[in-house]
Amino acid sequence: MPEISLTDFVDFVIKAGSPKLTKVREIATRAPYSPAFDFWKALRQHIADFHRGKVRIDTEIEALHAKKRRPYDSALLGYKKFLRKVAEPSFFEPPSERWVSSGLIVRVNPELGLCIDGKRHVIKLYFKDDEPTKHRLHAVLELMKISLKNGRFADVSVAVIDVANGRIITSSKEDVGFALLLEAEALAFMTIWNAITRESSQLAKRASA
């Protein structure tokens, strides 16, 4: 069973036509995950540690490569803009789950749990400069609702922080129909994945014959 990130699955969901095939092929042939190639990992960790009270927001991030300095500084300016809009949010450890459908496993790992104005929010951080589209936001928020709003987290709000623009986007309306769409997208992903796997297996057999 393939296991992919929430971001990869949403990237697949919002595409149409042949780009869906391209996305699945890219995931299928990608090297195993390595923190060294995760561009935003250090900043995600830094922001979470800031809310845990471990570091100051302006503390220099260790082992910061020169190529990351400008985008990291820009992102931190945007995040501080968000912080100025809220009154001392308190941190709690966010839940993480795996959403499974049609044999596909999607990791749903929000970076932050913040209590804002007395309401608990489970939050994904979005770092790209371009604003997230409504379709992307809808997919991320609904998948987080389906996966995370249960048990002791049933009362949380799910949210995305558009870091570059310093804004938080929440969702209050329930969309039962979108859950069916996500299941259909998972089935489509697996259909393509299995076809690519068969193709790779056949090519490997021919090469070894």
N, C-alpha and C. Protein backbone atom coordinates (compact mmCIF):
# COMPACT_ATOMS: atom_id res chain seq x y z
N MET A 1 0.85 -1.20 0.00
CA MET A 1 0.00 0.00 0.00
C MET A 1 0.88 1.25 0.00
N PRO A 2 0.76 2.10 -1.01
CA PRO A 2 1.55 3.33 -1.01
C PRO A 2 1.11 4.26 0.11
N GLU A 3 2.09 4.96 0.70
CA GLU A 3 1.81 5.93 1.75
C GLU A 3 2.40 7.26 1.32
N ILE A 4 1.55 8.29 1.23
CA ILE A 4 1.99 9.59 0.72
C ILE A 4 1.58 10.70 1.68
N SER A 5 2.13 11.89 1.45
CA SER A 5 1.80 13.03 2.31
C SER A 5 0.47 13.66 1.91
N LEU A 6 -0.08 14.43 2.83
CA LEU A 6 -1.29 15.19 2.54
C LEU A 6 -1.07 16.12 1.35
N THR A 7 0.10 16.78 1.33
CA THR A 7 0.40 17.71 0.24
C THR A 7 0.41 17.01 -1.11
N ASP A 8 1.04 15.83 -1.18
CA ASP A 8 1.08 15.09 -2.44
C ASP A 8 -0.33 14.70 -2.89
N PHE A 9 -1.15 14.25 -1.96
CA PHE A 9 -2.50 13.83 -2.35
C PHE A 9 -3.32 15.01 -2.82
N VAL A 10 -3.21 16.14 -2.13
CA VAL A 10 -3.97 17.33 -2.54
C VAL A 10 -3.47 17.82 -3.90
N ASP A 11 -2.16 17.76 -4.13
CA ASP A 11 -1.62 18.12 -5.44
C ASP A 11 -2.27 17.27 -6.53
N PHE A 12 -2.48 15.98 -6.25
CA PHE A 12 -3.14 15.09 -7.20
C PHE A 12 -4.61 15.46 -7.38
N VAL A 13 -5.29 15.71 -6.28
CA VAL A 13 -6.72 15.99 -6.32
C VAL A 13 -7.04 17.21 -7.16
N ILE A 14 -6.24 18.27 -7.04
CA ILE A 14 -6.58 19.53 -7.72
C ILE A 14 -6.15 19.55 -9.18
N LYS A 15 -5.45 18.50 -9.63
CA LYS A 15 -5.08 18.44 -11.05
C LYS A 15 -6.19 17.79 -11.86
N ALA A 16 -6.17 18.03 -13.17
CA ALA A 16 -7.16 17.44 -14.07
C ALA A 16 -6.44 16.87 -15.29
N GLY A 17 -6.94 15.72 -15.77
CA GLY A 17 -6.38 15.14 -16.99
C GLY A 17 -5.00 14.52 -16.79
N SER A 18 -4.16 14.64 -17.83
CA SER A 18 -2.85 13.98 -17.83
C SER A 18 -1.92 14.42 -16.70
N PRO A 19 -2.03 15.66 -16.17
CA PRO A 19 -1.17 16.00 -15.02
C PRO A 19 -1.36 15.08 -13.81
N LYS A 20 -2.53 14.44 -13.69
CA LYS A 20 -2.72 13.47 -12.61
C LYS A 20 -1.75 12.29 -12.79
N LEU A 21 -1.64 11.81 -14.04
CA LEU A 21 -0.71 10.72 -14.33
C LEU A 21 0.72 11.14 -14.02
N THR A 22 1.07 12.36 -14.44
CA THR A 22 2.42 12.87 -14.19
C THR A 22 2.72 12.93 -12.70
N LYS A 23 1.75 13.38 -11.91
CA LYS A 23 1.95 13.48 -10.46
C LYS A 23 2.16 12.11 -9.83
N VAL A 24 1.35 11.14 -10.19
CA VAL A 24 1.50 9.81 -9.60
C VAL A 24 2.84 9.19 -10.02
N ARG A 25 3.23 9.39 -11.27
CA ARG A 25 4.51 8.86 -11.73
C ARG A 25 5.67 9.50 -10.97
N GLU A 26 5.55 10.80 -10.71
CA GLU A 26 6.60 11.51 -9.96
C GLU A 26 6.72 10.96 -8.55
N ILE A 27 5.57 10.69 -7.91
CA ILE A 27 5.59 10.13 -6.55
C ILE A 27 6.16 8.71 -6.57
N ALA A 28 5.76 7.93 -7.56
CA ALA A 28 6.16 6.52 -7.63
C ALA A 28 7.66 6.36 -7.87
N THR A 29 8.28 7.31 -8.57
CA THR A 29 9.70 7.19 -8.92
C THR A 29 10.59 8.06 -8.03
N ARG A 30 10.01 8.73 -7.07
CA ARG A 30 10.77 9.62 -6.19
C ARG A 30 11.63 8.81 -5.23
N ALA A 31 12.81 9.36 -4.91
CA ALA A 31 13.67 8.73 -3.91
C ALA A 31 13.01 8.78 -2.54
N PRO A 32 13.38 7.88 -1.64
CA PRO A 32 12.81 7.91 -0.29
C PRO A 32 13.01 9.27 0.37
N TYR A 33 12.09 9.61 1.26
CA TYR A 33 12.14 10.91 1.94
C TYR A 33 13.46 11.09 2.69
N SER A 34 14.02 12.30 2.56
CA SER A 34 15.21 12.67 3.31
C SER A 34 15.03 14.10 3.81
N PRO A 35 15.23 14.34 5.11
CA PRO A 35 15.10 15.70 5.63
C PRO A 35 15.98 16.71 4.90
N ALA A 36 17.10 16.23 4.36
CA ALA A 36 18.03 17.13 3.66
C ALA A 36 17.39 17.78 2.44
N PHE A 37 16.36 17.13 1.88
CA PHE A 37 15.71 17.65 0.68
C PHE A 37 14.33 18.23 0.97
N ASP A 38 14.01 18.37 2.25
CA ASP A 38 12.74 18.97 2.67
C ASP A 38 13.01 20.45 2.94
N PHE A 39 12.72 21.30 1.96
CA PHE A 39 13.15 22.70 2.00
C PHE A 39 12.66 23.44 3.24
N TRP A 40 11.39 23.22 3.63
CA TRP A 40 10.79 24.00 4.70
C TRP A 40 10.85 23.32 6.06
N LYS A 41 11.48 22.16 6.16
CA LYS A 41 11.44 21.39 7.40
C LYS A 41 11.96 22.20 8.59
N ALA A 42 13.12 22.85 8.44
CA ALA A 42 13.71 23.58 9.57
C ALA A 42 12.80 24.70 10.05
N LEU A 43 12.14 25.38 9.11
CA LEU A 43 11.26 26.49 9.51
C LEU A 43 9.98 25.97 10.15
N ARG A 44 9.43 24.88 9.63
CA ARG A 44 8.25 24.28 10.27
C ARG A 44 8.57 23.93 11.72
N GLN A 45 9.74 23.31 11.94
CA GLN A 45 10.14 22.92 13.28
C GLN A 45 10.38 24.14 14.16
N HIS A 46 10.97 25.18 13.58
CA HIS A 46 11.27 26.41 14.33
C HIS A 46 9.98 27.07 14.82
N ILE A 47 8.98 27.15 13.96
CA ILE A 47 7.71 27.78 14.34
C ILE A 47 7.03 26.97 15.44
N ALA A 48 7.03 25.63 15.29
CA ALA A 48 6.42 24.79 16.32
C ALA A 48 7.17 24.94 17.65
N ASP A 49 8.51 24.97 17.59
CA ASP A 49 9.29 25.12 18.81
C ASP A 49 9.08 26.49 19.46
N PHE A 50 8.85 27.51 18.64
CA PHE A 50 8.55 28.83 19.18
C PHE A 50 7.27 28.77 20.01
N HIS A 51 6.25 28.11 19.49
CA HIS A 51 4.98 28.03 20.22
C HIS A 51 5.09 27.11 21.43
N ARG A 52 6.04 26.17 21.40
CA ARG A 52 6.28 25.32 22.57
C ARG A 52 7.08 26.06 23.65
N GLY A 53 7.56 27.26 23.31
CA GLY A 53 8.35 28.03 24.27
C GLY A 53 9.81 27.67 24.30
N LYS A 54 10.29 26.95 23.28
CA LYS A 54 11.68 26.49 23.26
C LYS A 54 12.64 27.51 22.66
N VAL A 55 12.15 28.34 21.73
CA VAL A 55 13.00 29.33 21.05
C VAL A 55 12.24 30.63 20.89
N ARG A 56 12.97 31.71 20.62
CA ARG A 56 12.33 32.96 20.24
C ARG A 56 12.09 32.93 18.74
N ILE A 57 11.08 33.65 18.28
CA ILE A 57 10.72 33.60 16.87
C ILE A 57 11.86 34.12 15.98
N ASP A 58 12.67 35.04 16.50
CA ASP A 58 13.76 35.62 15.71
C ASP A 58 15.09 34.91 15.91
N THR A 59 15.11 33.85 16.69
CA THR A 59 16.34 33.09 16.88
C THR A 59 16.79 32.52 15.54
N GLU A 60 18.09 32.65 15.26
CA GLU A 60 18.60 32.13 13.99
C GLU A 60 18.46 30.61 13.96
N ILE A 61 18.00 30.11 12.84
CA ILE A 61 17.81 28.67 12.69
C ILE A 61 19.15 28.02 12.38
N GLU A 62 19.50 27.00 13.15
CA GLU A 62 20.80 26.35 12.98
C GLU A 62 20.90 25.69 11.61
N ALA A 63 22.13 25.64 11.11
CA ALA A 63 22.45 24.97 9.86
C ALA A 63 21.62 25.48 8.69
N LEU A 64 21.37 26.79 8.70
CA LEU A 64 20.58 27.39 7.63
C LEU A 64 21.46 27.62 6.41
N HIS A 65 21.10 27.01 5.29
CA HIS A 65 21.87 27.20 4.06
C HIS A 65 21.61 28.58 3.50
N ALA A 66 22.60 29.10 2.79
CA ALA A 66 22.48 30.44 2.21
C ALA A 66 21.27 30.55 1.28
N LYS A 67 20.97 29.48 0.54
CA LYS A 67 19.87 29.53 -0.41
C LYS A 67 18.51 29.61 0.28
N LYS A 68 18.48 29.30 1.58
CA LYS A 68 17.22 29.37 2.33
C LYS A 68 17.04 30.69 3.05
N ARG A 69 18.08 31.49 3.17
CA ARG A 69 18.01 32.69 3.99
C ARG A 69 16.89 33.62 3.55
N ARG A 70 16.85 33.96 2.27
CA ARG A 70 15.85 34.92 1.81
C ARG A 70 14.42 34.39 1.95
N PRO A 71 14.11 33.17 1.44
CA PRO A 71 12.73 32.68 1.60
C PRO A 71 12.34 32.46 3.06
N TYR A 72 13.29 32.03 3.90
CA TYR A 72 12.97 31.85 5.31
C TYR A 72 12.67 33.19 5.98
N ASP A 73 13.51 34.20 5.70
CA ASP A 73 13.27 35.53 6.29
C ASP A 73 11.93 36.09 5.85
N SER A 74 11.60 35.90 4.57
CA SER A 74 10.34 36.40 4.04
C SER A 74 9.16 35.69 4.70
N ALA A 75 9.29 34.37 4.86
CA ALA A 75 8.21 33.60 5.50
C ALA A 75 8.03 34.01 6.96
N LEU A 76 9.13 34.25 7.66
CA LEU A 76 9.03 34.66 9.06
C LEU A 76 8.36 36.03 9.20
N LEU A 77 8.62 36.93 8.26
CA LEU A 77 7.94 38.22 8.27
C LEU A 77 6.42 38.03 8.15
N GLY A 78 6.02 37.13 7.25
CA GLY A 78 4.60 36.83 7.08
C GLY A 78 4.02 36.20 8.32
N TYR A 79 4.77 35.27 8.95
CA TYR A 79 4.24 34.61 10.14
C TYR A 79 4.10 35.57 11.30
N LYS A 80 5.04 36.51 11.43
CA LYS A 80 4.94 37.51 12.49
C LYS A 80 3.74 38.44 12.25
N LYS A 81 3.39 38.62 10.98
CA LYS A 81 2.19 39.40 10.66
C LYS A 81 0.96 38.68 11.22
N PHE A 82 0.93 37.35 11.05
CA PHE A 82 -0.17 36.56 11.61
C PHE A 82 -0.19 36.68 13.14
N LEU A 83 0.98 36.60 13.77
CA LEU A 83 1.05 36.65 15.24
C LEU A 83 0.52 37.97 15.78
N ARG A 84 0.71 39.05 15.02
CA ARG A 84 0.23 40.35 15.49
C ARG A 84 -1.30 40.44 15.47
N LYS A 85 -1.94 39.53 14.75
CA LYS A 85 -3.39 39.55 14.64
C LYS A 85 -4.09 38.74 15.73
N VAL A 86 -3.34 37.93 16.44
CA VAL A 86 -3.94 37.06 17.45
C VAL A 86 -3.32 37.36 18.81
N ALA A 87 -4.08 37.10 19.86
CA ALA A 87 -3.62 37.43 21.22
C ALA A 87 -3.01 36.21 21.89
N GLU A 88 -1.68 36.15 21.90
CA GLU A 88 -0.94 35.11 22.63
C GLU A 88 -1.56 33.72 22.49
N PRO A 89 -1.54 33.13 21.31
CA PRO A 89 -2.12 31.79 21.17
C PRO A 89 -1.33 30.77 21.99
N SER A 90 -2.04 29.89 22.68
CA SER A 90 -1.37 28.84 23.46
C SER A 90 -1.28 27.57 22.62
N PHE A 91 -0.21 26.81 22.85
CA PHE A 91 0.10 25.65 22.02
C PHE A 91 -0.41 24.36 22.66
N PHE A 92 -0.89 23.44 21.84
CA PHE A 92 -1.12 22.07 22.27
C PHE A 92 -0.64 21.16 21.15
N GLU A 93 -0.24 19.95 21.50
CA GLU A 93 0.27 19.03 20.49
C GLU A 93 -0.87 18.59 19.57
N PRO A 94 -0.72 18.84 18.26
CA PRO A 94 -1.79 18.49 17.34
C PRO A 94 -1.87 16.98 17.10
N PRO A 95 -3.03 16.48 16.75
CA PRO A 95 -3.15 15.06 16.42
C PRO A 95 -2.57 14.79 15.04
N SER A 96 -2.22 13.56 14.78
CA SER A 96 -1.82 13.14 13.44
C SER A 96 -2.48 11.79 13.17
N GLU A 97 -2.88 11.60 11.94
CA GLU A 97 -3.59 10.37 11.58
C GLU A 97 -3.18 9.93 10.18
N ARG A 98 -3.61 8.74 9.83
CA ARG A 98 -3.45 8.25 8.47
C ARG A 98 -4.84 7.99 7.89
N TRP A 99 -5.14 8.65 6.78
CA TRP A 99 -6.43 8.45 6.10
C TRP A 99 -6.22 7.37 5.05
N VAL A 100 -7.07 6.35 5.09
CA VAL A 100 -6.91 5.20 4.19
C VAL A 100 -8.16 5.04 3.33
N SER A 101 -7.95 4.91 2.03
CA SER A 101 -9.06 4.69 1.11
C SER A 101 -8.55 3.99 -0.14
N SER A 102 -9.21 2.92 -0.53
CA SER A 102 -8.87 2.15 -1.74
C SER A 102 -7.42 1.67 -1.74
N GLY A 103 -6.86 1.45 -0.56
CA GLY A 103 -5.49 0.97 -0.47
C GLY A 103 -4.45 2.08 -0.43
N LEU A 104 -4.88 3.33 -0.52
CA LEU A 104 -3.97 4.46 -0.43
C LEU A 104 -3.93 4.98 1.00
N ILE A 105 -2.73 5.23 1.51
CA ILE A 105 -2.56 5.79 2.85
C ILE A 105 -2.06 7.23 2.70
N VAL A 106 -2.77 8.15 3.32
CA VAL A 106 -2.38 9.56 3.28
C VAL A 106 -2.05 10.02 4.70
N ARG A 107 -0.83 10.51 4.89
CA ARG A 107 -0.43 11.01 6.20
C ARG A 107 -0.99 12.42 6.40
N VAL A 108 -1.74 12.59 7.48
CA VAL A 108 -2.32 13.89 7.81
C VAL A 108 -1.65 14.37 9.09
N ASN A 109 -0.62 15.21 8.92
CA ASN A 109 0.22 15.63 10.04
C ASN A 109 0.25 17.15 10.15
N PRO A 110 -0.73 17.76 10.78
CA PRO A 110 -0.69 19.22 10.96
C PRO A 110 0.50 19.61 11.84
N GLU A 111 1.06 20.79 11.56
CA GLU A 111 2.25 21.22 12.30
C GLU A 111 1.94 21.84 13.65
N LEU A 112 0.77 22.46 13.78
CA LEU A 112 0.49 23.23 14.99
C LEU A 112 -0.87 22.91 15.59
N GLY A 113 -0.93 23.02 16.91
CA GLY A 113 -2.20 23.08 17.62
C GLY A 113 -2.19 24.38 18.40
N LEU A 114 -3.06 25.31 18.06
CA LEU A 114 -3.07 26.61 18.73
C LEU A 114 -4.46 26.94 19.24
N CYS A 115 -4.54 27.39 20.47
CA CYS A 115 -5.79 27.86 21.04
C CYS A 115 -5.85 29.37 20.81
N ILE A 116 -6.78 29.79 19.95
CA ILE A 116 -6.91 31.19 19.56
C ILE A 116 -8.29 31.69 19.98
N ASP A 117 -8.33 32.73 20.79
CA ASP A 117 -9.60 33.29 21.28
C ASP A 117 -10.47 32.21 21.92
N GLY A 118 -9.83 31.32 22.66
CA GLY A 118 -10.56 30.30 23.38
C GLY A 118 -10.98 29.09 22.55
N LYS A 119 -10.61 29.04 21.26
CA LYS A 119 -10.99 27.95 20.38
C LYS A 119 -9.74 27.21 19.91
N ARG A 120 -9.76 25.88 20.03
CA ARG A 120 -8.62 25.09 19.58
C ARG A 120 -8.62 24.95 18.06
N HIS A 121 -7.46 25.20 17.47
CA HIS A 121 -7.29 25.08 16.03
C HIS A 121 -6.15 24.10 15.72
N VAL A 122 -6.41 23.16 14.83
CA VAL A 122 -5.37 22.27 14.32
C VAL A 122 -4.97 22.81 12.95
N ILE A 123 -3.66 23.07 12.76
CA ILE A 123 -3.23 23.93 11.66
C ILE A 123 -2.16 23.31 10.79
N LYS A 124 -2.35 23.45 9.47
CA LYS A 124 -1.31 23.17 8.48
C LYS A 124 -0.70 24.50 8.05
N LEU A 125 0.61 24.50 7.85
CA LEU A 125 1.31 25.70 7.40
C LEU A 125 1.52 25.62 5.88
N TYR A 126 1.19 26.72 5.19
CA TYR A 126 1.37 26.80 3.73
C TYR A 126 2.40 27.88 3.47
N PHE A 127 3.55 27.49 2.86
CA PHE A 127 4.68 28.39 2.74
C PHE A 127 4.87 29.03 1.37
N LYS A 128 4.21 28.55 0.34
CA LYS A 128 4.45 29.08 -1.00
C LYS A 128 4.03 30.55 -1.08
N ASP A 129 4.71 31.29 -1.98
CA ASP A 129 4.41 32.72 -2.13
C ASP A 129 3.04 32.95 -2.76
N ASP A 130 2.67 32.09 -3.71
CA ASP A 130 1.36 32.25 -4.34
C ASP A 130 0.26 31.81 -3.37
N GLU A 131 -0.82 32.55 -3.34
CA GLU A 131 -1.91 32.24 -2.41
C GLU A 131 -2.52 30.88 -2.75
N PRO A 132 -2.86 30.09 -1.74
CA PRO A 132 -3.50 28.80 -2.00
C PRO A 132 -4.87 29.00 -2.65
N THR A 133 -5.17 28.21 -3.66
CA THR A 133 -6.45 28.32 -4.34
C THR A 133 -7.58 27.80 -3.45
N LYS A 134 -8.80 28.21 -3.77
CA LYS A 134 -9.95 27.73 -3.00
C LYS A 134 -10.07 26.21 -3.07
N HIS A 135 -9.76 25.65 -4.24
CA HIS A 135 -9.86 24.20 -4.41
C HIS A 135 -8.85 23.49 -3.51
N ARG A 136 -7.61 24.00 -3.47
CA ARG A 136 -6.59 23.40 -2.60
C ARG A 136 -7.01 23.50 -1.13
N LEU A 137 -7.44 24.68 -0.72
CA LEU A 137 -7.85 24.87 0.67
C LEU A 137 -9.00 23.95 1.05
N HIS A 138 -9.95 23.83 0.15
CA HIS A 138 -11.11 22.96 0.41
C HIS A 138 -10.65 21.53 0.64
N ALA A 139 -9.76 21.05 -0.23
CA ALA A 139 -9.28 19.67 -0.12
C ALA A 139 -8.51 19.45 1.18
N VAL A 140 -7.61 20.38 1.52
CA VAL A 140 -6.82 20.24 2.74
C VAL A 140 -7.71 20.26 3.97
N LEU A 141 -8.60 21.22 4.05
CA LEU A 141 -9.43 21.38 5.24
C LEU A 141 -10.40 20.21 5.41
N GLU A 142 -11.00 19.75 4.32
CA GLU A 142 -11.95 18.64 4.43
C GLU A 142 -11.24 17.35 4.83
N LEU A 143 -10.04 17.11 4.28
CA LEU A 143 -9.31 15.89 4.64
C LEU A 143 -8.87 15.93 6.11
N MET A 144 -8.52 17.12 6.58
CA MET A 144 -8.19 17.26 8.00
C MET A 144 -9.42 17.01 8.88
N LYS A 145 -10.58 17.52 8.45
CA LYS A 145 -11.81 17.28 9.22
C LYS A 145 -12.10 15.78 9.31
N ILE A 146 -12.06 15.12 8.17
CA ILE A 146 -12.38 13.69 8.13
C ILE A 146 -11.44 12.89 9.02
N SER A 147 -10.16 13.25 9.01
CA SER A 147 -9.14 12.45 9.68
C SER A 147 -8.98 12.78 11.16
N LEU A 148 -9.10 14.06 11.51
CA LEU A 148 -8.64 14.51 12.82
C LEU A 148 -9.73 14.85 13.82
N LYS A 149 -10.94 15.18 13.35
CA LYS A 149 -11.99 15.63 14.26
C LYS A 149 -12.71 14.43 14.87
N ASN A 150 -12.02 13.79 15.79
CA ASN A 150 -12.63 12.65 16.48
C ASN A 150 -12.06 12.56 17.89
N GLY A 151 -12.72 11.78 18.73
CA GLY A 151 -12.24 11.59 20.09
C GLY A 151 -12.09 12.91 20.83
N ARG A 152 -10.93 13.11 21.47
CA ARG A 152 -10.73 14.33 22.26
C ARG A 152 -10.47 15.55 21.38
N PHE A 153 -10.42 15.35 20.06
CA PHE A 153 -10.23 16.48 19.14
C PHE A 153 -11.49 16.77 18.32
N ALA A 154 -12.61 16.23 18.76
CA ALA A 154 -13.85 16.41 18.00
C ALA A 154 -14.29 17.87 17.93
N ASP A 155 -13.86 18.67 18.90
CA ASP A 155 -14.32 20.06 18.96
C ASP A 155 -13.38 21.06 18.29
N VAL A 156 -12.27 20.58 17.71
CA VAL A 156 -11.30 21.53 17.15
C VAL A 156 -11.79 22.11 15.82
N SER A 157 -11.24 23.27 15.50
CA SER A 157 -11.40 23.82 14.15
C SER A 157 -10.15 23.46 13.36
N VAL A 158 -10.32 23.14 12.08
CA VAL A 158 -9.16 22.89 11.23
C VAL A 158 -8.86 24.17 10.46
N ALA A 159 -7.58 24.41 10.20
CA ALA A 159 -7.20 25.67 9.59
C ALA A 159 -5.90 25.53 8.82
N VAL A 160 -5.70 26.47 7.91
CA VAL A 160 -4.44 26.61 7.18
C VAL A 160 -3.93 28.03 7.43
N ILE A 161 -2.65 28.15 7.74
CA ILE A 161 -2.03 29.48 7.81
C ILE A 161 -1.27 29.72 6.52
N ASP A 162 -1.71 30.71 5.78
CA ASP A 162 -1.00 31.18 4.58
C ASP A 162 0.13 32.06 5.10
N VAL A 163 1.30 31.44 5.27
CA VAL A 163 2.40 32.09 5.99
C VAL A 163 2.84 33.37 5.31
N ALA A 164 3.03 33.35 4.00
CA ALA A 164 3.54 34.51 3.28
C ALA A 164 2.66 35.74 3.47
N ASN A 165 1.35 35.51 3.58
CA ASN A 165 0.41 36.63 3.70
C ASN A 165 -0.10 36.84 5.12
N GLY A 166 0.40 36.04 6.06
CA GLY A 166 0.06 36.24 7.46
C GLY A 166 -1.42 36.09 7.77
N ARG A 167 -2.09 35.15 7.13
CA ARG A 167 -3.53 35.01 7.38
C ARG A 167 -3.87 33.56 7.69
N ILE A 168 -4.91 33.39 8.49
CA ILE A 168 -5.39 32.05 8.83
C ILE A 168 -6.73 31.83 8.15
N ILE A 169 -6.87 30.65 7.55
CA ILE A 169 -8.10 30.30 6.83
C ILE A 169 -8.71 29.10 7.55
N THR A 170 -9.96 29.25 7.97
CA THR A 170 -10.67 28.17 8.65
C THR A 170 -11.89 27.75 7.83
N SER A 171 -12.45 26.64 8.23
CA SER A 171 -13.65 26.14 7.56
C SER A 171 -14.67 25.76 8.61
N SER A 172 -15.89 26.25 8.47
CA SER A 172 -16.93 25.95 9.45
C SER A 172 -18.02 25.04 8.89
N LYS A 173 -18.22 25.08 7.57
CA LYS A 173 -19.29 24.29 6.97
C LYS A 173 -18.85 22.85 6.73
N GLU A 174 -19.73 21.94 7.02
CA GLU A 174 -19.47 20.53 6.74
C GLU A 174 -19.85 20.24 5.29
N ASP A 175 -19.02 19.47 4.60
CA ASP A 175 -19.27 19.13 3.20
C ASP A 175 -19.17 17.62 3.04
N VAL A 176 -20.27 16.94 3.31
CA VAL A 176 -20.30 15.48 3.27
C VAL A 176 -19.98 14.98 1.86
N GLY A 177 -20.46 15.68 0.85
CA GLY A 177 -20.23 15.26 -0.52
C GLY A 177 -18.77 15.25 -0.90
N PHE A 178 -17.98 16.14 -0.31
CA PHE A 178 -16.56 16.20 -0.66
C PHE A 178 -15.81 14.97 -0.17
N ALA A 179 -16.29 14.37 0.91
CA ALA A 179 -15.67 13.14 1.40
C ALA A 179 -15.79 12.04 0.35
N LEU A 180 -16.92 11.98 -0.33
CA LEU A 180 -17.10 11.00 -1.41
C LEU A 180 -16.16 11.29 -2.56
N LEU A 181 -15.96 12.57 -2.86
CA LEU A 181 -15.05 12.95 -3.93
C LEU A 181 -13.62 12.53 -3.59
N LEU A 182 -13.21 12.72 -2.35
CA LEU A 182 -11.86 12.33 -1.95
C LEU A 182 -11.67 10.82 -2.09
N GLU A 183 -12.69 10.05 -1.74
CA GLU A 183 -12.61 8.60 -1.91
C GLU A 183 -12.48 8.22 -3.38
N ALA A 184 -13.20 8.94 -4.25
CA ALA A 184 -13.10 8.68 -5.69
C ALA A 184 -11.70 9.04 -6.20
N GLU A 185 -11.14 10.12 -5.65
CA GLU A 185 -9.79 10.52 -6.06
C GLU A 185 -8.75 9.49 -5.59
N ALA A 186 -8.95 8.93 -4.41
CA ALA A 186 -8.04 7.89 -3.92
C ALA A 186 -8.09 6.67 -4.83
N LEU A 187 -9.30 6.30 -5.28
CA LEU A 187 -9.44 5.17 -6.20
C LEU A 187 -8.74 5.45 -7.52
N ALA A 188 -8.89 6.69 -8.03
CA ALA A 188 -8.24 7.07 -9.27
C ALA A 188 -6.71 7.02 -9.11
N PHE A 189 -6.22 7.53 -7.97
CA PHE A 189 -4.78 7.49 -7.69
C PHE A 189 -4.28 6.04 -7.74
N MET A 190 -4.98 5.15 -7.06
CA MET A 190 -4.53 3.77 -6.99
C MET A 190 -4.61 3.07 -8.35
N THR A 191 -5.60 3.42 -9.16
CA THR A 191 -5.70 2.84 -10.50
C THR A 191 -4.46 3.21 -11.32
N ILE A 192 -4.07 4.48 -11.25
CA ILE A 192 -2.88 4.94 -11.97
C ILE A 192 -1.62 4.31 -11.36
N TRP A 193 -1.55 4.30 -10.04
CA TRP A 193 -0.39 3.74 -9.35
C TRP A 193 -0.16 2.28 -9.74
N ASN A 194 -1.23 1.49 -9.73
CA ASN A 194 -1.11 0.08 -10.07
C ASN A 194 -0.69 -0.11 -11.52
N ALA A 195 -1.19 0.73 -12.41
CA ALA A 195 -0.79 0.65 -13.82
C ALA A 195 0.69 0.97 -13.98
N ILE A 196 1.17 1.98 -13.28
CA ILE A 196 2.59 2.35 -13.33
C ILE A 196 3.46 1.23 -12.75
N THR A 197 2.98 0.63 -11.66
CA THR A 197 3.73 -0.47 -11.03
C THR A 197 3.84 -1.65 -11.98
N ARG A 198 2.74 -2.00 -12.66
CA ARG A 198 2.77 -3.11 -13.63
C ARG A 198 3.71 -2.79 -14.78
N GLU A 199 3.65 -1.55 -15.25
CA GLU A 199 4.52 -1.13 -16.35
C GLU A 199 5.99 -1.24 -15.95
N SER A 200 6.33 -0.80 -14.76
CA SER A 200 7.72 -0.87 -14.28
C SER A 200 8.17 -2.31 -14.14
N SER A 201 7.27 -3.17 -13.65
CA SER A 201 7.61 -4.58 -13.49
C SER A 201 7.87 -5.24 -14.83
N GLN A 202 7.03 -4.93 -15.82
CA GLN A 202 7.21 -5.49 -17.16
C GLN A 202 8.51 -5.03 -17.80
N LEU A 203 8.84 -3.77 -17.63
CA LEU A 203 10.09 -3.23 -18.19
C LEU A 203 11.30 -3.88 -17.53
N ALA A 204 11.20 -4.12 -16.22
CA ALA A 204 12.30 -4.76 -15.50
C ALA A 204 12.51 -6.20 -15.98
N LYS A 205 11.41 -6.92 -16.25
CA LYS A 205 11.51 -8.29 -16.74
C LYS A 205 12.13 -8.33 -18.13
N ARG A 206 11.75 -7.38 -18.98
CA ARG A 206 12.32 -7.34 -20.33
C ARG A 206 13.81 -7.03 -20.29
N ALA A 207 14.19 -6.14 -19.37
CA ALA A 207 15.60 -5.76 -19.27
C ALA A 207 16.46 -6.90 -18.78
N SER A 208 15.87 -7.77 -17.94
CA SER A 208 16.64 -8.88 -17.40
C SER A 208 16.58 -10.13 -18.25
N ALA A 209 15.71 -10.11 -19.28
CA ALA A 209 15.55 -11.32 -20.12
C ALA A 209 16.77 -11.53 -21.03
